[in-house]
Amino acid sequence: MHPNPSAIVRKNIVSPSIGNATHPAERLSTGIVESGTLPNGLRIVSNQVPWIHSVTLGLWINAGSREDPEGFEGMAHFIEHALFKGTQKRDYVEIARCVEETGGYIDAWTTKEQTCLCVRCLREHLHLAFDLLADLCCNPVFPPDEIEKEKEVVLEEIASVNDTPEELIFEDFDRRAFSRHPLGTAILGTEESVERLTGKEIRDFMRRHYVPSKMLVTAIGNIEHDAVTGLAESFWGHLKDSPQEDSVRRLFDLSAYRPFTKTLKKSVFQSQILLGTIFPRDDRRFWGLMVLNAMLSSGMSSILNLELREKRGLVYQAYSSVSFYDEVTEFNVYAGTDKGKTSKTLDTIAELLTGNVLKEPDPFELAAAKSKMLGSMILGMEKMTRRMSHIAQDMFYFGRYLSPSEKAGMIDGVTAEDVAVAAAALGIPEQISTLVYKPGGR
């Protein structure tokens, strides 16, 4: 079924890449990318890649763990699980089998700000993919017995994180940095909050957040935009957009951030170290931060690996990470080391963050980091699920799609001064928080 063209908000066509001095246009071309919006507010972005035989279809909800109601932490993530437990026309076995029998697969994940349901299949099964995703988000039944069983599954997932100190320390850091705010709660929730969940809370959450204006359809593969739009209109065009006052995202007040230094005894063999800070969102610093992160953490030749592992033998693994949220940015440095090397490792990281290596970046290191980023972007374009995720991230964070050509130009344009400005937030000792898990707990 194709929609009435007059009923669709005019689509935007993204022109092909133009290339740059390092990479020719064909390397930066994604094929044809088009976008549009249905009258009910549902956004659609398609990327036609004619040389493959598959389609990767994603239904994104602009609601993640930061939307979890107080006392029901883990709600968004649990719904991602619960949707697969049955609909009005499929039980949980049929949900999995209908795609897998065609050679495809279905997946889902939850972040702090979004939830995604994804189907990857052959292009001739695109209608089935739409039908299944629409069935999951529009017709779930949440059988009580299955919901109780799925709680046990999620509790095992929580236990797995608790047994993985490298994951647990990030959750613990965020809980302290974003104190009393949903950005600080674990995506999975807690054992207690998951046990509290009922069908009523689940349906109330979906009523608030699974609405067209908070939904995005992304389709990547050997497809045409008009076909994708027609199917989206057919399966979701009937939905009414009913924004709720209690669905508005609560922003984090940065004045509530209190830098901390904390050492805890844990049942670990290595000391787990996590340093970090949070600062206001500033899109002028976005690409400078990305390049800075690549300098510190991209590969075996990165600054952290060379300084901490290769030169000093302090760690097996060390890396940095940057997380961009609606209103704030978080930057972290992680390392795992022997308990006798903890102080030396902390001192070395502090020297790197506050020293001239970032304030006055070496031109060679800067060029190498940008080259790594460009190469990684091109390699990632060959993975359709990653393409789909990058498109969705652009739409949610920037409000529009950024082509690889545009991103390449922004990366190319990052200067040593840009990196130094981005690093300035990391070089303020009184703004840095430190969390250490020290061997010795029971």
Foldseek 3Di string as FASTA:
>chain_A
DFDDVVQWADKDKDDFFCDDPVGHRVLQGQAIWMKTAGPQQAIEIEGADAVDFKKKKKKKFQAAQLLADPLQGLLRVLLQVQLLCDFPVDGNVCLQCVQVVQVKGWDWDGDHGMIMTMIMHGPVCVLVVLVSVLRSLPTGDRDVVVSVVVLVVLQVVVVVQVVPVLNVVVLVVLCQQQPPGSSNADRNHHNRSSVPDDPVVNVVVSVATVANNRIYMYMYYNDDPSVVNRSCCVRPVPTHGDHDPSSDRDDGDNVPGAAAEEEAADADQWKKKKKKFKDWDDVLLVLLVQLLQLQQAPDCNHPVNCQCPVPPNFFPDKGKDWDDDQTMIMIMIITIGGLVCVVVSVVSVLCCLQDCCQLQPDPVSSVVSLVSVLVVVSVLSVPRVSVRVQQVVCCVRVVHGDRSSNVNVVSVPDDSNSSNVSSVCSNPVSRMHMYMHHYDDD
